[in-house]
Amino acid sequence: MKKLSLITMIAMATLAFQACRNNAKDSKAAADSANVTKDTSRNSAATGGIAVDENDAKFASTAANAGMTEVNAGKMAQEKAVSTRVRNFATMMVNDHTKAGDELAAIAKTKNITLPAEPDADSKKMTADMGKKTGKDFDKAYVDQMVDDHKKAVKLFEDASKNCKDADLKAFAAKTLPTLKMHLDSVRAIHDKM
């Protein structure tokens, strides 16, 4: 039995090392993969496990990715937006999503959940494409993206606030949800005036 555990640990370490070296895998995918190997329901004997299941870890990873994307896009909008309302909204995004990201990172650390170190490839592409725009075209692209992103975030956090098995993640989702809804209402108001 010990021999089987040792072989399993060596195999997992090899896979983890290869995953770290695989540049094709983005940071979020690598985090999700690491969390699957730490999931107590699958591999607790070899890894020591984590305190949450795979779906809760996936929520944390997805939320962290979305938050980093909002911060990066917000910083860009603080510099590039021509509308004062859009710049003010961007500042709110940077502040609120940084705060939420820090809180999520603290929870993840206590639960041994791996979070992405940077936004995933799709998020980077979206931000890069938006960055190519200027003036009112940039403002419109940013606001449109924020409406879309916050619709998805509200859904993600609503689901997590109901379905997370981990009490801390569930509480984080429930606490953060009203802020995300306020963001969505704010950006829709900006959108409607454009």
Protein backbone atom coordinates (compact mmCIF):
# COMPACT_ATOMS: atom_id res chain seq x y z
CA MET A 1 0.00 0.00 0.00
CA LYS A 2 2.85 2.39 0.87
CA LYS A 3 4.49 1.54 -2.44
CA LEU A 4 1.28 2.43 -4.31
CA SER A 5 1.03 5.74 -2.44
CA LEU A 6 4.65 6.54 -3.22
CA ILE A 7 4.15 5.74 -6.90
CA THR A 8 1.00 7.90 -6.95
CA MET A 9 2.86 10.79 -5.31
CA ILE A 10 5.74 10.55 -7.79
CA ALA A 11 3.30 10.43 -10.71
CA MET A 12 1.43 13.49 -9.39
CA ALA A 13 4.67 15.39 -8.81
CA THR A 14 5.78 14.58 -12.35
CA LEU A 15 2.45 15.76 -13.76
CA ALA A 16 2.57 18.93 -11.67
CA PHE A 17 6.12 19.65 -12.84
CA GLN A 18 5.13 19.12 -16.46
CA ALA A 19 2.06 21.32 -16.02
CA CYS A 20 4.26 24.10 -14.69
CA ARG A 21 6.53 23.80 -17.71
CA ASN A 22 3.64 23.70 -20.21
CA ASN A 23 3.40 27.26 -21.53
CA ALA A 24 0.31 26.38 -23.59
CA LYS A 25 -1.74 26.02 -20.40
CA ASP A 26 -2.80 29.40 -19.04
CA SER A 27 -2.66 30.30 -15.37
CA LYS A 28 -6.35 29.57 -14.68
CA ALA A 29 -6.21 26.16 -16.36
CA ALA A 30 -3.07 25.33 -14.39
CA ALA A 31 -4.76 26.39 -11.14
CA ASP A 32 -7.84 24.30 -11.91
CA SER A 33 -5.65 21.31 -12.72
CA ALA A 34 -3.69 21.71 -9.48
CA ASN A 35 -6.92 21.92 -7.49
CA VAL A 36 -8.27 18.71 -9.01
CA THR A 37 -5.17 16.82 -7.85
CA LYS A 38 -5.61 18.27 -4.32
CA ASP A 39 -9.34 17.50 -4.06
CA THR A 40 -9.90 15.37 -0.94
CA SER A 41 -12.63 13.41 -2.62
CA ARG A 42 -10.15 12.10 -5.16
CA ASN A 43 -6.66 11.98 -3.72
CA SER A 44 -6.46 12.75 0.00
CA ALA A 45 -3.99 10.00 0.88
CA ALA A 46 -1.35 11.22 -1.55
CA THR A 47 -1.74 14.97 -1.24
CA GLY A 48 -3.15 15.69 2.17
CA GLY A 49 -6.19 17.08 0.38
CA ILE A 50 -7.88 20.45 0.49
CA ALA A 51 -10.81 21.55 2.60
CA VAL A 52 -13.16 22.08 -0.35
CA ASP A 53 -14.41 20.02 -3.24
CA GLU A 54 -13.59 20.50 -6.90
CA ASN A 55 -16.64 22.68 -7.69
CA ASP A 56 -15.90 25.07 -4.83
CA ALA A 57 -12.26 25.31 -5.93
CA LYS A 58 -13.43 25.94 -9.51
CA PHE A 59 -15.66 28.79 -8.26
CA ALA A 60 -12.68 30.33 -6.45
CA SER A 61 -10.49 30.03 -9.53
CA THR A 62 -13.14 31.47 -11.86
CA ALA A 63 -13.92 34.33 -9.46
CA ALA A 64 -10.23 35.17 -9.10
CA ASN A 65 -9.77 35.17 -12.88
CA ALA A 66 -12.79 37.44 -13.38
CA GLY A 67 -11.65 39.80 -10.64
CA MET A 68 -8.14 40.16 -12.07
CA THR A 69 -9.66 40.82 -15.49
CA GLU A 70 -11.90 43.56 -14.05
CA VAL A 71 -8.92 45.18 -12.32
CA ASN A 72 -6.77 45.11 -15.47
CA ALA A 73 -9.56 46.45 -17.68
CA GLY A 74 -10.41 49.06 -15.03
CA LYS A 75 -6.82 50.32 -14.88
CA MET A 76 -6.81 50.64 -18.66
CA ALA A 77 -10.13 52.53 -18.58
CA GLN A 78 -8.83 54.90 -15.90
CA GLU A 79 -6.22 56.00 -18.44
CA LYS A 80 -8.04 55.70 -21.77
CA ALA A 81 -11.70 56.53 -21.13
CA VAL A 82 -12.89 59.95 -22.30
CA SER A 83 -16.07 59.95 -20.23
CA THR A 84 -15.75 60.97 -16.59
CA ARG A 85 -18.53 58.51 -15.67
CA VAL A 86 -16.64 55.67 -17.32
CA ARG A 87 -13.37 56.65 -15.59
CA ASN A 88 -15.16 56.85 -12.23
CA PHE A 89 -16.74 53.44 -12.82
CA ALA A 90 -13.31 52.05 -13.72
CA THR A 91 -11.87 53.37 -10.45
CA MET A 92 -14.68 51.64 -8.56
CA MET A 93 -13.87 48.41 -10.44
CA VAL A 94 -10.20 48.57 -9.51
CA ASN A 95 -10.93 49.31 -5.85
CA ASP A 96 -13.79 46.85 -5.31
CA HIS A 97 -12.33 43.96 -7.28
CA THR A 98 -8.91 44.38 -5.69
CA LYS A 99 -10.51 44.23 -2.24
CA ALA A 100 -12.59 41.16 -3.16
CA GLY A 101 -9.57 39.50 -4.77
CA ASP A 102 -7.51 40.00 -1.62
CA GLU A 103 -10.29 38.52 0.50
CA LEU A 104 -10.65 35.53 -1.83
CA ALA A 105 -6.88 34.98 -1.84
CA ALA A 106 -6.86 34.87 1.97
CA ILE A 107 -9.66 32.27 1.99
CA ALA A 108 -7.94 30.24 -0.74
CA LYS A 109 -4.69 30.22 1.22
CA THR A 110 -6.38 28.75 4.30
CA LYS A 111 -8.11 26.12 2.15
CA ASN A 112 -5.00 25.23 0.10
CA ILE A 113 -6.78 26.27 -3.11
CA THR A 114 -4.55 27.28 -6.00
CA LEU A 115 -5.73 30.49 -7.68
CA PRO A 116 -4.52 31.71 -11.07
CA ALA A 117 -1.58 34.10 -10.93
CA GLU A 118 -2.87 36.08 -13.89
CA PRO A 119 -5.98 36.26 -16.09
CA ASP A 120 -6.57 33.45 -18.56
CA ALA A 121 -5.83 33.70 -22.28
CA ASP A 122 -9.38 34.72 -23.23
CA SER A 123 -9.38 37.54 -20.69
CA LYS A 124 -5.99 38.77 -21.86
CA LYS A 125 -7.18 38.77 -25.47
CA MET A 126 -10.34 40.69 -24.55
CA THR A 127 -8.31 43.30 -22.69
CA ALA A 128 -5.76 43.57 -25.50
CA ASP A 129 -8.51 43.98 -28.13
CA MET A 130 -10.19 46.66 -26.04
CA GLY A 131 -6.86 48.43 -25.59
CA LYS A 132 -6.58 48.93 -29.35
CA LYS A 133 -9.62 51.21 -29.29
CA THR A 134 -9.54 54.92 -28.50
CA GLY A 135 -11.93 57.69 -27.54
CA LYS A 136 -15.64 56.96 -27.48
CA ASP A 137 -15.03 53.62 -29.21
CA PHE A 138 -12.95 52.57 -26.21
CA ASP A 139 -15.60 53.79 -23.75
CA LYS A 140 -18.31 51.84 -25.57
CA ALA A 141 -16.22 48.66 -25.78
CA TYR A 142 -15.32 48.89 -22.08
CA VAL A 143 -18.90 49.53 -20.95
CA ASP A 144 -20.27 46.75 -23.18
CA GLN A 145 -17.69 44.34 -21.77
CA MET A 146 -18.47 45.36 -18.19
CA VAL A 147 -22.19 44.74 -18.72
CA ASP A 148 -21.46 41.29 -20.12
CA ASP A 149 -18.84 40.43 -17.48
CA HIS A 150 -21.03 41.53 -14.58
CA LYS A 151 -24.02 39.54 -15.83
CA LYS A 152 -21.78 36.47 -15.75
CA ALA A 153 -20.30 37.40 -12.37
CA VAL A 154 -23.71 37.91 -10.77
CA LYS A 155 -24.80 34.47 -12.03
CA LEU A 156 -21.55 32.87 -10.81
CA PHE A 157 -21.85 34.40 -7.35
CA GLU A 158 -25.58 33.68 -7.06
CA ASP A 159 -24.89 30.03 -7.79
CA ALA A 160 -21.96 29.94 -5.36
CA SER A 161 -23.92 31.64 -2.59
CA LYS A 162 -26.49 28.82 -2.85
CA ASN A 163 -24.37 25.83 -3.82
CA CYS A 164 -20.87 26.10 -2.35
CA LYS A 165 -20.27 23.37 0.17
CA ASP A 166 -17.50 25.30 1.93
CA ALA A 167 -19.00 27.75 4.42
CA ASP A 168 -16.28 30.38 3.97
CA LEU A 169 -16.57 30.43 0.18
CA LYS A 170 -20.36 30.45 0.41
CA ALA A 171 -20.22 33.43 2.80
CA PHE A 172 -17.72 35.23 0.53
CA ALA A 173 -20.03 34.76 -2.46
CA ALA A 174 -23.07 35.98 -0.52
CA LYS A 175 -21.17 39.00 0.85
CA THR A 176 -19.75 39.98 -2.57
CA LEU A 177 -22.96 39.46 -4.57
CA PRO A 178 -24.66 42.79 -3.64
CA THR A 179 -21.55 44.70 -4.76
CA LEU A 180 -21.56 42.89 -8.10
CA LYS A 181 -25.26 43.64 -8.58
CA MET A 182 -24.57 47.30 -7.81
CA HIS A 183 -21.75 47.27 -10.39
CA LEU A 184 -24.14 45.79 -12.97
CA ASP A 185 -26.79 48.42 -12.23
CA SER A 186 -24.20 51.20 -12.43
CA VAL A 187 -22.70 50.07 -15.71
CA ARG A 188 -26.15 49.52 -17.24
CA ALA A 189 -27.03 53.12 -16.35
CA ILE A 190 -23.86 54.31 -18.07
CA HIS A 191 -24.60 52.07 -21.05
CA ASP A 192 -28.14 53.43 -21.40
CA LYS A 193 -26.85 57.02 -21.59
CA MET A 194 -24.31 56.28 -24.34
